[in-house]
Amino acid sequence: MNDYNIYNKIDRYIANIKKNHVVVELDKFAIDPGATYEIRRTMRVRAYVKYRVTTDDINVPSEQLIYNSSIKNLKNGKWREDIFDIFIEYLSEDYVYKWAPSWFAPISNWQYRDSFE
């Protein structure tokens, strides 16, 4: 399937989470309005998230557990805290314009993770 087709990507994600009984639970999701910034001509929002993932199989790529993600060392059922830099873009559909997470850029905690290694 074509990875550039957002609808195919979402359909594959839904099939994976159903097959593996994935549940993503959030305790806290916080965005500081001052943490919106531009870098290399892209807009990003920094978000603090406390979450956990429960699933039948945690040993799959994180994008099969959390949509469009690249997160290392997920542990089944264990709460964790991360800071994510989320790419956002200005979208329009049927003359409705809005800021939204970018579908092509994975959600990753690498900036935060690599800062403390």
PDB file of N, CA and C in Angstrom:
ATOM      1  N   MET A   1       0.832  -1.191   0.000  1.00  0.00           N
ATOM      2  CA  MET A   1       0.000   0.000   0.000  1.00  0.00           C
ATOM      3  C   MET A   1       0.870   1.245   0.000  1.00  0.00           C
ATOM      4  N   ASN A   2       0.309   2.303  -0.503  1.00  0.00           N
ATOM      5  CA  ASN A   2       1.023   3.561  -0.607  1.00  0.00           C
ATOM      6  C   ASN A   2       1.056   4.271   0.746  1.00  0.00           C
ATOM      7  N   ASP A   3       2.262   4.460   1.310  1.00  0.00           N
ATOM      8  CA  ASP A   3       2.389   5.131   2.604  1.00  0.00           C
ATOM      9  C   ASP A   3       2.068   6.619   2.518  1.00  0.00           C
ATOM     10  N   TYR A   4       2.010   7.160   1.314  1.00  0.00           N
ATOM     11  CA  TYR A   4       1.720   8.578   1.173  1.00  0.00           C
ATOM     12  C   TYR A   4       0.225   8.856   1.172  1.00  0.00           C
ATOM     13  N   ASN A   5      -0.580   7.813   1.198  1.00  0.00           N
ATOM     14  CA  ASN A   5      -2.021   7.976   1.280  1.00  0.00           C
ATOM     15  C   ASN A   5      -2.421   7.875   2.747  1.00  0.00           C
ATOM     16  N   ILE A   6      -2.831   8.979   3.329  1.00  0.00           N
ATOM     17  CA  ILE A   6      -3.144   9.055   4.762  1.00  0.00           C
ATOM     18  C   ILE A   6      -4.241   8.060   5.137  1.00  0.00           C
ATOM     19  N   TYR A   7      -5.206   7.853   4.267  1.00  0.00           N
ATOM     20  CA  TYR A   7      -6.317   6.966   4.598  1.00  0.00           C
ATOM     21  C   TYR A   7      -5.859   5.513   4.687  1.00  0.00           C
ATOM     22  N   ASN A   8      -4.951   5.093   3.792  1.00  0.00           N
ATOM     23  CA  ASN A   8      -4.400   3.740   3.878  1.00  0.00           C
ATOM     24  C   ASN A   8      -3.591   3.563   5.165  1.00  0.00           C
ATOM     25  N   LYS A   9      -2.843   4.585   5.513  1.00  0.00           N
ATOM     26  CA  LYS A   9      -2.018   4.520   6.727  1.00  0.00           C
ATOM     27  C   LYS A   9      -2.906   4.384   7.971  1.00  0.00           C
ATOM     28  N   ILE A  10      -3.966   5.144   8.026  1.00  0.00           N
ATOM     29  CA  ILE A  10      -4.892   5.072   9.163  1.00  0.00           C
ATOM     30  C   ILE A  10      -5.579   3.702   9.212  1.00  0.00           C
ATOM     31  N   ASP A  11      -6.003   3.191   8.061  1.00  0.00           N
ATOM     32  CA  ASP A  11      -6.648   1.869   8.022  1.00  0.00           C
ATOM     33  C   ASP A  11      -5.712   0.778   8.541  1.00  0.00           C
ATOM     34  N   ARG A  12      -4.435   0.817   8.153  1.00  0.00           N
ATOM     35  CA  ARG A  12      -3.456  -0.170   8.640  1.00  0.00           C
ATOM     36  C   ARG A  12      -3.256  -0.031  10.144  1.00  0.00           C
ATOM     37  N   TYR A  13      -3.203   1.207  10.636  1.00  0.00           N
ATOM     38  CA  TYR A  13      -3.045   1.433  12.075  1.00  0.00           C
ATOM     39  C   TYR A  13      -4.228   0.844  12.843  1.00  0.00           C
ATOM     40  N   ILE A  14      -5.428   1.114  12.383  1.00  0.00           N
ATOM     41  CA  ILE A  14      -6.623   0.599  13.060  1.00  0.00           C
ATOM     42  C   ILE A  14      -6.621  -0.928  13.064  1.00  0.00           C
ATOM     43  N   ALA A  15      -6.254  -1.545  11.963  1.00  0.00           N
ATOM     44  CA  ALA A  15      -6.187  -3.015  11.895  1.00  0.00           C
ATOM     45  C   ALA A  15      -5.174  -3.550  12.911  1.00  0.00           C
ATOM     46  N   ASN A  16      -4.015  -2.890  13.038  1.00  0.00           N
ATOM     47  CA  ASN A  16      -2.989  -3.330  13.994  1.00  0.00           C
ATOM     48  C   ASN A  16      -3.446  -3.193  15.444  1.00  0.00           C
ATOM     49  N   ILE A  17      -4.077  -2.066  15.782  1.00  0.00           N
ATOM     50  CA  ILE A  17      -4.478  -1.902  17.187  1.00  0.00           C
ATOM     51  C   ILE A  17      -5.605  -2.850  17.564  1.00  0.00           C
ATOM     52  N   LYS A  18      -6.472  -3.162  16.624  1.00  0.00           N
ATOM     53  CA  LYS A  18      -7.529  -4.140  16.905  1.00  0.00           C
ATOM     54  C   LYS A  18      -6.927  -5.531  17.093  1.00  0.00           C
ATOM     55  N   LYS A  19      -6.007  -5.900  16.209  1.00  0.00           N
ATOM     56  CA  LYS A  19      -5.392  -7.230  16.265  1.00  0.00           C
ATOM     57  C   LYS A  19      -4.617  -7.431  17.576  1.00  0.00           C
ATOM     58  N   ASN A  20      -3.905  -6.403  18.034  1.00  0.00           N
ATOM     59  CA  ASN A  20      -3.061  -6.513  19.226  1.00  0.00           C
ATOM     60  C   ASN A  20      -3.718  -5.965  20.492  1.00  0.00           C
ATOM     61  N   HIS A  21      -4.989  -5.582  20.426  1.00  0.00           N
ATOM     62  CA  HIS A  21      -5.727  -5.057  21.588  1.00  0.00           C
ATOM     63  C   HIS A  21      -4.960  -3.923  22.270  1.00  0.00           C
ATOM     64  N   VAL A  22      -4.605  -2.911  21.488  1.00  0.00           N
ATOM     65  CA  VAL A  22      -3.812  -1.787  21.979  1.00  0.00           C
ATOM     66  C   VAL A  22      -4.713  -0.768  22.678  1.00  0.00           C
ATOM     67  N   VAL A  23      -4.281  -0.350  23.884  1.00  0.00           N
ATOM     68  CA  VAL A  23      -4.940   0.736  24.599  1.00  0.00           C
ATOM     69  C   VAL A  23      -3.855   1.737  24.989  1.00  0.00           C
ATOM     70  N   VAL A  24      -4.044   2.995  24.585  1.00  0.00           N
ATOM     71  CA  VAL A  24      -3.139   4.072  24.980  1.00  0.00           C
ATOM     72  C   VAL A  24      -3.915   4.938  25.961  1.00  0.00           C
ATOM     73  N   GLU A  25      -3.394   5.030  27.183  1.00  0.00           N
ATOM     74  CA  GLU A  25      -4.067   5.777  28.250  1.00  0.00           C
ATOM     75  C   GLU A  25      -3.239   6.999  28.597  1.00  0.00           C
ATOM     76  N   LEU A  26      -3.883   8.162  28.630  1.00  0.00           N
ATOM     77  CA  LEU A  26      -3.210   9.412  28.983  1.00  0.00           C
ATOM     78  C   LEU A  26      -3.600   9.830  30.380  1.00  0.00           C
ATOM     79  N   ASP A  27      -2.607  10.234  31.168  1.00  0.00           N
ATOM     80  CA  ASP A  27      -2.873  10.829  32.467  1.00  0.00           C
ATOM     81  C   ASP A  27      -2.797  12.345  32.359  1.00  0.00           C
ATOM     82  N   LYS A  28      -1.869  12.810  31.526  1.00  0.00           N
ATOM     83  CA  LYS A  28      -1.691  14.248  31.375  1.00  0.00           C
ATOM     84  C   LYS A  28      -1.149  14.549  29.988  1.00  0.00           C
ATOM     85  N   PHE A  29      -1.667  15.603  29.381  1.00  0.00           N
ATOM     86  CA  PHE A  29      -1.186  16.106  28.095  1.00  0.00           C
ATOM     87  C   PHE A  29      -1.170  17.616  28.221  1.00  0.00           C
ATOM     88  N   ALA A  30       0.006  18.216  28.182  1.00  0.00           N
ATOM     89  CA  ALA A  30       0.117  19.655  28.412  1.00  0.00           C
ATOM     90  C   ALA A  30       0.959  20.312  27.330  1.00  0.00           C
ATOM     91  N   ILE A  31       0.454  21.440  26.842  1.00  0.00           N
ATOM     92  CA  ILE A  31       1.182  22.236  25.857  1.00  0.00           C
ATOM     93  C   ILE A  31       1.343  23.640  26.421  1.00  0.00           C
ATOM     94  N   ASP A  32       2.564  24.108  26.448  1.00  0.00           N
ATOM     95  CA  ASP A  32       2.853  25.472  26.849  1.00  0.00           C
ATOM     96  C   ASP A  32       2.715  26.354  25.608  1.00  0.00           C
ATOM     97  N   PRO A  33       1.855  27.370  25.624  1.00  0.00           N
ATOM     98  CA  PRO A  33       1.700  28.209  24.435  1.00  0.00           C
ATOM     99  C   PRO A  33       3.020  28.816  23.949  1.00  0.00           C
ATOM    100  N   GLY A  34       3.961  28.988  24.855  1.00  0.00           N
ATOM    101  CA  GLY A  34       5.268  29.522  24.472  1.00  0.00           C
ATOM    102  C   GLY A  34       6.165  28.484  23.834  1.00  0.00           C
ATOM    103  N   ALA A  35       5.712  27.252  23.759  1.00  0.00           N
ATOM    104  CA  ALA A  35       6.541  26.173  23.225  1.00  0.00           C
ATOM    105  C   ALA A  35       6.191  25.852  21.774  1.00  0.00           C
ATOM    106  N   THR A  36       5.595  26.809  21.084  1.00  0.00           N
ATOM    107  CA  THR A  36       5.352  26.677  19.655  1.00  0.00           C
ATOM    108  C   THR A  36       6.471  27.424  18.953  1.00  0.00           C
ATOM    109  N   TYR A  37       7.142  26.764  18.034  1.00  0.00           N
ATOM    110  CA  TYR A  37       8.290  27.406  17.403  1.00  0.00           C
ATOM    111  C   TYR A  37       8.486  26.928  15.974  1.00  0.00           C
ATOM    112  N   GLU A  38       9.279  27.685  15.242  1.00  0.00           N
ATOM    113  CA  GLU A  38       9.588  27.339  13.856  1.00  0.00           C
ATOM    114  C   GLU A  38      11.051  26.925  13.772  1.00  0.00           C
ATOM    115  N   ILE A  39      11.308  25.859  13.059  1.00  0.00           N
ATOM    116  CA  ILE A  39      12.670  25.423  12.818  1.00  0.00           C
ATOM    117  C   ILE A  39      12.732  24.839  11.404  1.00  0.00           C
ATOM    118  N   ARG A  40      13.691  25.299  10.651  1.00  0.00           N
ATOM    119  CA  ARG A  40      13.869  24.825   9.269  1.00  0.00           C
ATOM    120  C   ARG A  40      12.574  24.874   8.474  1.00  0.00           C
ATOM    121  N   ARG A  41      11.870  25.973   8.608  1.00  0.00           N
ATOM    122  CA  ARG A  41      10.637  26.246   7.857  1.00  0.00           C
ATOM    123  C   ARG A  41       9.485  25.304   8.210  1.00  0.00           C
ATOM    124  N   THR A  42       9.524  24.694   9.386  1.00  0.00           N
ATOM    125  CA  THR A  42       8.405  23.876   9.852  1.00  0.00           C
ATOM    126  C   THR A  42       7.980  24.375  11.230  1.00  0.00           C
ATOM    127  N   MET A  43       6.697  24.302  11.486  1.00  0.00           N
ATOM    128  CA  MET A  43       6.162  24.684  12.790  1.00  0.00           C
ATOM    129  C   MET A  43       6.076  23.449  13.679  1.00  0.00           C
ATOM    130  N   ARG A  44       6.420  23.638  14.940  1.00  0.00           N
ATOM    131  CA  ARG A  44       6.358  22.543  15.908  1.00  0.00           C
ATOM    132  C   ARG A  44       5.745  23.035  17.217  1.00  0.00           C
ATOM    133  N   VAL A  45       5.154  22.092  17.920  1.00  0.00           N
ATOM    134  CA  VAL A  45       4.601  22.348  19.245  1.00  0.00           C
ATOM    135  C   VAL A  45       5.258  21.350  20.186  1.00  0.00           C
ATOM    136  N   ARG A  46       5.757  21.826  21.308  1.00  0.00           N
ATOM    137  CA  ARG A  46       6.342  20.932  22.310  1.00  0.00           C
ATOM    138  C   ARG A  46       5.252  20.570  23.312  1.00  0.00           C
ATOM    139  N   ALA A  47       5.109  19.256  23.568  1.00  0.00           N
ATOM    140  CA  ALA A  47       4.061  18.775  24.466  1.00  0.00           C
ATOM    141  C   ALA A  47       4.644  17.814  25.492  1.00  0.00           C
ATOM    142  N   TYR A  48       4.183  17.955  26.735  1.00  0.00           N
ATOM    143  CA  TYR A  48       4.509  17.019  27.811  1.00  0.00           C
ATOM    144  C   TYR A  48       3.368  16.019  27.883  1.00  0.00           C
ATOM    145  N   VAL A  49       3.706  14.730  27.908  1.00  0.00           N
ATOM    146  CA  VAL A  49       2.672  13.688  27.942  1.00  0.00           C
ATOM    147  C   VAL A  49       3.058  12.626  28.965  1.00  0.00           C
ATOM    148  N   LYS A  50       2.114  12.289  29.846  1.00  0.00           N
ATOM    149  CA  LYS A  50       2.260  11.140  30.738  1.00  0.00           C
ATOM    150  C   LYS A  50       1.254  10.111  30.255  1.00  0.00           C
ATOM    151  N   TYR A  51       1.756   8.928  29.883  1.00  0.00           N
ATOM    152  CA  TYR A  51       0.912   7.938  29.222  1.00  0.00           C
ATOM    153  C   TYR A  51       1.426   6.527  29.482  1.00  0.00           C
ATOM    154  N   ARG A  52       0.583   5.574  29.122  1.00  0.00           N
ATOM    155  CA  ARG A  52       1.018   4.179  29.122  1.00  0.00           C
ATOM    156  C   ARG A  52       0.309   3.453  27.995  1.00  0.00           C
ATOM    157  N   VAL A  53       0.943   2.377  27.552  1.00  0.00           N
ATOM    158  CA  VAL A  53       0.414   1.554  26.475  1.00  0.00           C
ATOM    159  C   VAL A  53       0.255   0.131  26.999  1.00  0.00           C
ATOM    160  N   THR A  54      -0.915  -0.446  26.808  1.00  0.00           N
ATOM    161  CA  THR A  54      -1.107  -1.866  27.103  1.00  0.00           C
ATOM    162  C   THR A  54      -1.493  -2.552  25.798  1.00  0.00           C
ATOM    163  N   THR A  55      -0.928  -3.727  25.593  1.00  0.00           N
ATOM    164  CA  THR A  55      -1.128  -4.443  24.342  1.00  0.00           C
ATOM    165  C   THR A  55      -0.781  -5.916  24.518  1.00  0.00           C
ATOM    166  N   ASP A  56      -1.241  -6.725  23.590  1.00  0.00           N
ATOM    167  CA  ASP A  56      -0.870  -8.142  23.597  1.00  0.00           C
ATOM    168  C   ASP A  56       0.590  -8.333  23.208  1.00  0.00           C
ATOM    169  N   ASP A  57       1.118  -7.455  22.351  1.00  0.00           N
ATOM    170  CA  ASP A  57       2.496  -7.583  21.874  1.00  0.00           C
ATOM    171  C   ASP A  57       3.162  -6.214  21.835  1.00  0.00           C
ATOM    172  N   ILE A  58       4.001  -5.925  22.808  1.00  0.00           N
ATOM    173  CA  ILE A  58       4.704  -4.644  22.881  1.00  0.00           C
ATOM    174  C   ILE A  58       5.926  -4.618  21.953  1.00  0.00           C
ATOM    175  N   ASN A  59       6.348  -5.783  21.461  1.00  0.00           N
ATOM    176  CA  ASN A  59       7.563  -5.889  20.645  1.00  0.00           C
ATOM    177  C   ASN A  59       7.290  -5.684  19.160  1.00  0.00           C
ATOM    178  N   VAL A  60       6.550  -4.641  18.845  1.00  0.00           N
ATOM    179  CA  VAL A  60       6.294  -4.251  17.457  1.00  0.00           C
ATOM    180  C   VAL A  60       6.753  -2.804  17.322  1.00  0.00           C
ATOM    181  N   PRO A  61       6.929  -2.317  16.107  1.00  0.00           N
ATOM    182  CA  PRO A  61       7.308  -0.904  15.952  1.00  0.00           C
ATOM    183  C   PRO A  61       6.287   0.009  16.644  1.00  0.00           C
ATOM    184  N   SER A  62       6.776   1.084  17.257  1.00  0.00           N
ATOM    185  CA  SER A  62       5.883   1.964  18.025  1.00  0.00           C
ATOM    186  C   SER A  62       4.766   2.542  17.171  1.00  0.00           C
ATOM    187  N   GLU A  63       4.986   2.697  15.877  1.00  0.00           N
ATOM    188  CA  GLU A  63       3.932   3.244  15.017  1.00  0.00           C
ATOM    189  C   GLU A  63       2.718   2.320  14.920  1.00  0.00           C
ATOM    190  N   GLN A  64       2.876   1.055  15.312  1.00  0.00           N
ATOM    191  CA  GLN A  64       1.727   0.148  15.367  1.00  0.00           C
ATOM    192  C   GLN A  64       0.981   0.268  16.689  1.00  0.00           C
ATOM    193  N   LEU A  65       1.569   0.951  17.654  1.00  0.00           N
ATOM    194  CA  LEU A  65       0.945   1.126  18.968  1.00  0.00           C
ATOM    195  C   LEU A  65       0.385   2.532  19.144  1.00  0.00           C
ATOM    196  N   ILE A  66       1.159   3.540  18.749  1.00  0.00           N
ATOM    197  CA  ILE A  66       0.752   4.940  18.814  1.00  0.00           C
ATOM    198  C   ILE A  66       0.889   5.483  17.399  1.00  0.00           C
ATOM    199  N   TYR A  67      -0.187   5.978  16.855  1.00  0.00           N
ATOM    200  CA  TYR A  67      -0.211   6.380  15.448  1.00  0.00           C
ATOM    201  C   TYR A  67       0.939   7.317  15.088  1.00  0.00           C
ATOM    202  N   ASN A  68       1.625   6.962  14.004  1.00  0.00           N
ATOM    203  CA  ASN A  68       2.669   7.791  13.410  1.00  0.00           C
ATOM    204  C   ASN A  68       3.733   8.207  14.419  1.00  0.00           C
ATOM    205  N   SER A  69       4.216   7.237  15.197  1.00  0.00           N
ATOM    206  CA  SER A  69       5.202   7.547  16.235  1.00  0.00           C
ATOM    207  C   SER A  69       6.518   6.819  15.994  1.00  0.00           C
ATOM    208  N   SER A  70       7.536   7.343  16.637  1.00  0.00           N
ATOM    209  CA  SER A  70       8.857   6.715  16.641  1.00  0.00           C
ATOM    210  C   SER A  70       9.390   6.830  18.067  1.00  0.00           C
ATOM    211  N   ILE A  71       8.967   5.912  18.927  1.00  0.00           N
ATOM    212  CA  ILE A  71       9.283   5.969  20.354  1.00  0.00           C
ATOM    213  C   ILE A  71      10.009   4.690  20.733  1.00  0.00           C
ATOM    214  N   LYS A  72      11.136   4.829  21.397  1.00  0.00           N
ATOM    215  CA  LYS A  72      11.922   3.656  21.794  1.00  0.00           C
ATOM    216  C   LYS A  72      11.587   3.234  23.222  1.00  0.00           C
ATOM    217  N   ASN A  73      11.805   1.968  23.494  1.00  0.00           N
ATOM    218  CA  ASN A  73      11.738   1.391  24.840  1.00  0.00           C
ATOM    219  C   ASN A  73      10.374   1.500  25.513  1.00  0.00           C
ATOM    220  N   LEU A  74       9.313   1.280  24.759  1.00  0.00           N
ATOM    221  CA  LEU A  74       7.992   1.216  25.390  1.00  0.00           C
ATOM    222  C   LEU A  74       7.897  -0.055  26.212  1.00  0.00           C
ATOM    223  N   LYS A  75       7.317   0.043  27.384  1.00  0.00           N
ATOM    224  CA  LYS A  75       7.115  -1.110  28.265  1.00  0.00           C
ATOM    225  C   LYS A  75       5.611  -1.296  28.457  1.00  0.00           C
ATOM    226  N   ASN A  76       5.157  -2.529  28.360  1.00  0.00           N
ATOM    227  CA  ASN A  76       3.739  -2.828  28.442  1.00  0.00           C
ATOM    228  C   ASN A  76       3.156  -2.452  29.804  1.00  0.00           C
ATOM    229  N   GLY A  77       2.160  -1.558  29.798  1.00  0.00           N
ATOM    230  CA  GLY A  77       1.453  -1.182  31.015  1.00  0.00           C
ATOM    231  C   GLY A  77       2.193  -0.244  31.946  1.00  0.00           C
ATOM    232  N   LYS A  78       3.402   0.193  31.604  1.00  0.00           N
ATOM    233  CA  LYS A  78       4.190   1.059  32.495  1.00  0.00           C
ATOM    234  C   LYS A  78       3.980   2.529  32.132  1.00  0.00           C
ATOM    235  N   TRP A  79       3.659   3.336  33.152  1.00  0.00           N
ATOM    236  CA  TRP A  79       3.511   4.769  32.939  1.00  0.00           C
ATOM    237  C   TRP A  79       4.861   5.373  32.577  1.00  0.00           C
ATOM    238  N   ARG A  80       4.840   6.318  31.648  1.00  0.00           N
ATOM    239  CA  ARG A  80       6.067   7.025  31.303  1.00  0.00           C
ATOM    240  C   ARG A  80       5.731   8.478  30.982  1.00  0.00           C
ATOM    241  N   GLU A  81       6.737   9.309  31.101  1.00  0.00           N
ATOM    242  CA  GLU A  81       6.605  10.727  30.799  1.00  0.00           C
ATOM    243  C   GLU A  81       7.589  11.064  29.694  1.00  0.00           C
ATOM    244  N   ASP A  82       7.115  11.794  28.705  1.00  0.00           N
ATOM    245  CA  ASP A  82       7.960  12.205  27.590  1.00  0.00           C
ATOM    246  C   ASP A  82       7.613  13.620  27.188  1.00  0.00           C
ATOM    247  N   ILE A  83       8.535  14.223  26.496  1.00  0.00           N
ATOM    248  CA  ILE A  83       8.294  15.497  25.841  1.00  0.00           C
ATOM    249  C   ILE A  83       8.438  15.255  24.352  1.00  0.00           C
ATOM    250  N   PHE A  84       7.414  15.646  23.602  1.00  0.00           N
ATOM    251  CA  PHE A  84       7.392  15.430  22.167  1.00  0.00           C
ATOM    252  C   PHE A  84       7.405  16.767  21.433  1.00  0.00           C
ATOM    253  N   ASP A  85       8.121  16.814  20.340  1.00  0.00           N
ATOM    254  CA  ASP A  85       8.034  17.934  19.411  1.00  0.00           C
ATOM    255  C   ASP A  85       7.171  17.470  18.252  1.00  0.00           C
ATOM    256  N   ILE A  86       5.984  18.049  18.148  1.00  0.00           N
ATOM    257  CA  ILE A  86       4.997  17.609  17.174  1.00  0.00           C
ATOM    258  C   ILE A  86       4.959  18.608  16.020  1.00  0.00           C
ATOM    259  N   PHE A  87       5.212  18.132  14.809  1.00  0.00           N
ATOM    260  CA  PHE A  87       5.120  18.979  13.626  1.00  0.00           C
ATOM    261  C   PHE A  87       3.652  19.333  13.400  1.00  0.00           C
ATOM    262  N   ILE A  88       3.401  20.596  13.102  1.00  0.00           N
ATOM    263  CA  ILE A  88       2.036  21.008  12.787  1.00  0.00           C
ATOM    264  C   ILE A  88       2.046  21.719  11.436  1.00  0.00           C
ATOM    265  N   GLU A  89       0.899  21.705  10.783  1.00  0.00           N
ATOM    266  CA  GLU A  89       0.776  22.387   9.501  1.00  0.00           C
ATOM    267  C   GLU A  89      -0.627  22.964   9.373  1.00  0.00           C
ATOM    268  N   TYR A  90      -0.724  23.929   8.497  1.00  0.00           N
ATOM    269  CA  TYR A  90      -1.999  24.594   8.232  1.00  0.00           C
ATOM    270  C   TYR A  90      -2.726  23.791   7.164  1.00  0.00           C
ATOM    271  N   LEU A  91      -3.861  23.222   7.509  1.00  0.00           N
ATOM    272  CA  LEU A  91      -4.610  22.349   6.611  1.00  0.00           C
ATOM    273  C   LEU A  91      -5.936  22.981   6.217  1.00  0.00           C
ATOM    274  N   SER A  92      -6.432  22.595   5.065  1.00  0.00           N
ATOM    275  CA  SER A  92      -7.771  23.030   4.671  1.00  0.00           C
ATOM    276  C   SER A  92      -8.493  21.865   4.009  1.00  0.00           C
ATOM    277  N   GLU A  93      -9.755  21.760   4.317  1.00  0.00           N
ATOM    278  CA  GLU A  93     -10.606  20.752   3.695  1.00  0.00           C
ATOM    279  C   GLU A  93     -12.011  21.320   3.656  1.00  0.00           C
ATOM    280  N   ASP A  94     -12.606  21.344   2.498  1.00  0.00           N
ATOM    281  CA  ASP A  94     -13.950  21.902   2.314  1.00  0.00           C
ATOM    282  C   ASP A  94     -14.037  23.330   2.862  1.00  0.00           C
ATOM    283  N   TYR A  95     -13.021  24.117   2.585  1.00  0.00           N
ATOM    284  CA  TYR A  95     -12.951  25.526   2.978  1.00  0.00           C
ATOM    285  C   TYR A  95     -12.889  25.745   4.488  1.00  0.00           C
ATOM    286  N   VAL A  96     -12.499  24.714   5.225  1.00  0.00           N
ATOM    287  CA  VAL A  96     -12.269  24.842   6.664  1.00  0.00           C
ATOM    288  C   VAL A  96     -10.753  24.801   6.859  1.00  0.00           C
ATOM    289  N   TYR A  97     -10.204  25.843   7.497  1.00  0.00           N
ATOM    290  CA  TYR A  97      -8.759  25.948   7.686  1.00  0.00           C
ATOM    291  C   TYR A  97      -8.435  25.764   9.159  1.00  0.00           C
ATOM    292  N   LYS A  98      -7.370  25.010   9.436  1.00  0.00           N
ATOM    293  CA  LYS A  98      -7.031  24.739  10.834  1.00  0.00           C
ATOM    294  C   LYS A  98      -5.567  24.329  10.945  1.00  0.00           C
ATOM    295  N   TRP A  99      -5.005  24.510  12.121  1.00  0.00           N
ATOM    296  CA  TRP A  99      -3.683  23.970  12.440  1.00  0.00           C
ATOM    297  C   TRP A  99      -3.891  22.562  12.971  1.00  0.00           C
ATOM    298  N   ALA A 100      -3.050  21.635  12.533  1.00  0.00           N
ATOM    299  CA  ALA A 100      -3.213  20.242  12.950  1.00  0.00           C
ATOM    300  C   ALA A 100      -1.866  19.539  12.901  1.00  0.00           C
ATOM    301  N   PRO A 101      -1.725  18.408  13.621  1.00  0.00           N
ATOM    302  CA  PRO A 101      -0.484  17.639  13.508  1.00  0.00           C
ATOM    303  C   PRO A 101      -0.267  17.213  12.061  1.00  0.00           C
ATOM    304  N   SER A 102       0.956  17.252  11.655  1.00  0.00           N
ATOM    305  CA  SER A 102       1.298  16.857  10.296  1.00  0.00           C
ATOM    306  C   SER A 102       1.238  15.343  10.164  1.00  0.00           C
ATOM    307  N   TRP A 103       0.612  14.855   9.126  1.00  0.00           N
ATOM    308  CA  TRP A 103       0.464  13.403   8.951  1.00  0.00           C
ATOM    309  C   TRP A 103       1.740  12.745   8.479  1.00  0.00           C
ATOM    310  N   PHE A 104       2.663  13.504   7.889  1.00  0.00           N
ATOM    311  CA  PHE A 104       3.857  12.882   7.308  1.00  0.00           C
ATOM    312  C   PHE A 104       5.042  12.818   8.270  1.00  0.00           C
ATOM    313  N   ALA A 105       5.018  13.561   9.348  1.00  0.00           N
ATOM    314  CA  ALA A 105       6.151  13.587  10.270  1.00  0.00           C
ATOM    315  C   ALA A 105       5.814  12.800  11.524  1.00  0.00           C
ATOM    316  N   PRO A 106       6.594  11.781  11.855  1.00  0.00           N
ATOM    317  CA  PRO A 106       6.266  10.973  13.035  1.00  0.00           C
ATOM    318  C   PRO A 106       6.419  11.745  14.337  1.00  0.00           C
ATOM    319  N   ILE A 107       5.609  11.375  15.303  1.00  0.00           N
ATOM    320  CA  ILE A 107       5.724  11.919  16.651  1.00  0.00           C
ATOM    321  C   ILE A 107       6.883  11.191  17.316  1.00  0.00           C
ATOM    322  N   SER A 108       7.835  11.943  17.806  1.00  0.00           N
ATOM    323  CA  SER A 108       9.036  11.329  18.366  1.00  0.00           C
ATOM    324  C   SER A 108       9.462  12.062  19.631  1.00  0.00           C
ATOM    325  N   ASN A 109      10.073  11.305  20.524  1.00  0.00           N
ATOM    326  CA  ASN A 109      10.623  11.900  21.746  1.00  0.00           C
ATOM    327  C   ASN A 109      12.142  11.994  21.674  1.00  0.00           C
ATOM    328  N   TRP A 110      12.727  11.915  20.500  1.00  0.00           N
ATOM    329  CA  TRP A 110      14.185  11.829  20.386  1.00  0.00           C
ATOM    330  C   TRP A 110      14.887  13.069  20.921  1.00  0.00           C
ATOM    331  N   GLN A 111      14.305  14.250  20.764  1.00  0.00           N
ATOM    332  CA  GLN A 111      14.966  15.448  21.280  1.00  0.00           C
ATOM    333  C   GLN A 111      15.112  15.379  22.786  1.00  0.00           C
ATOM    334  N   TYR A 112      14.057  14.992  23.454  1.00  0.00           N
ATOM    335  CA  TYR A 112      14.041  14.889  24.904  1.00  0.00           C
ATOM    336  C   TYR A 112      14.904  13.724  25.363  1.00  0.00           C
ATOM    337  N   ARG A 113      14.722  12.561  24.738  1.00  0.00           N
ATOM    338  CA  ARG A 113      15.452  11.343  25.111  1.00  0.00           C
ATOM    339  C   ARG A 113      16.960  11.532  24.957  1.00  0.00           C
ATOM    340  N   ASP A 114      17.373  12.049  23.818  1.00  0.00           N
ATOM    341  CA  ASP A 114      18.814  12.205  23.548  1.00  0.00           C
ATOM    342  C   ASP A 114      19.463  13.279  24.408  1.00  0.00           C
ATOM    343  N   SER A 115      18.676  14.220  24.915  1.00  0.00           N
ATOM    344  CA  SER A 115      19.230  15.276  25.773  1.00  0.00           C
ATOM    345  C   SER A 115      19.719  14.730  27.111  1.00  0.00           C
ATOM    346  N   PHE A 116      19.149  13.608  27.556  1.00  0.00           N
ATOM    347  CA  PHE A 116      19.483  13.090  28.887  1.00  0.00           C
ATOM    348  C   PHE A 116      20.283  11.802  28.850  1.00  0.00           C
ATOM    349  N   GLU A 117      20.763  11.408  27.691  1.00  0.00           N
ATOM    350  CA  GLU A 117      21.590  10.200  27.614  1.00  0.00           C
ATOM    351  C   GLU A 117      23.052  10.540  27.797  1.00  0.00           C
TER     352      GLU A 117
END
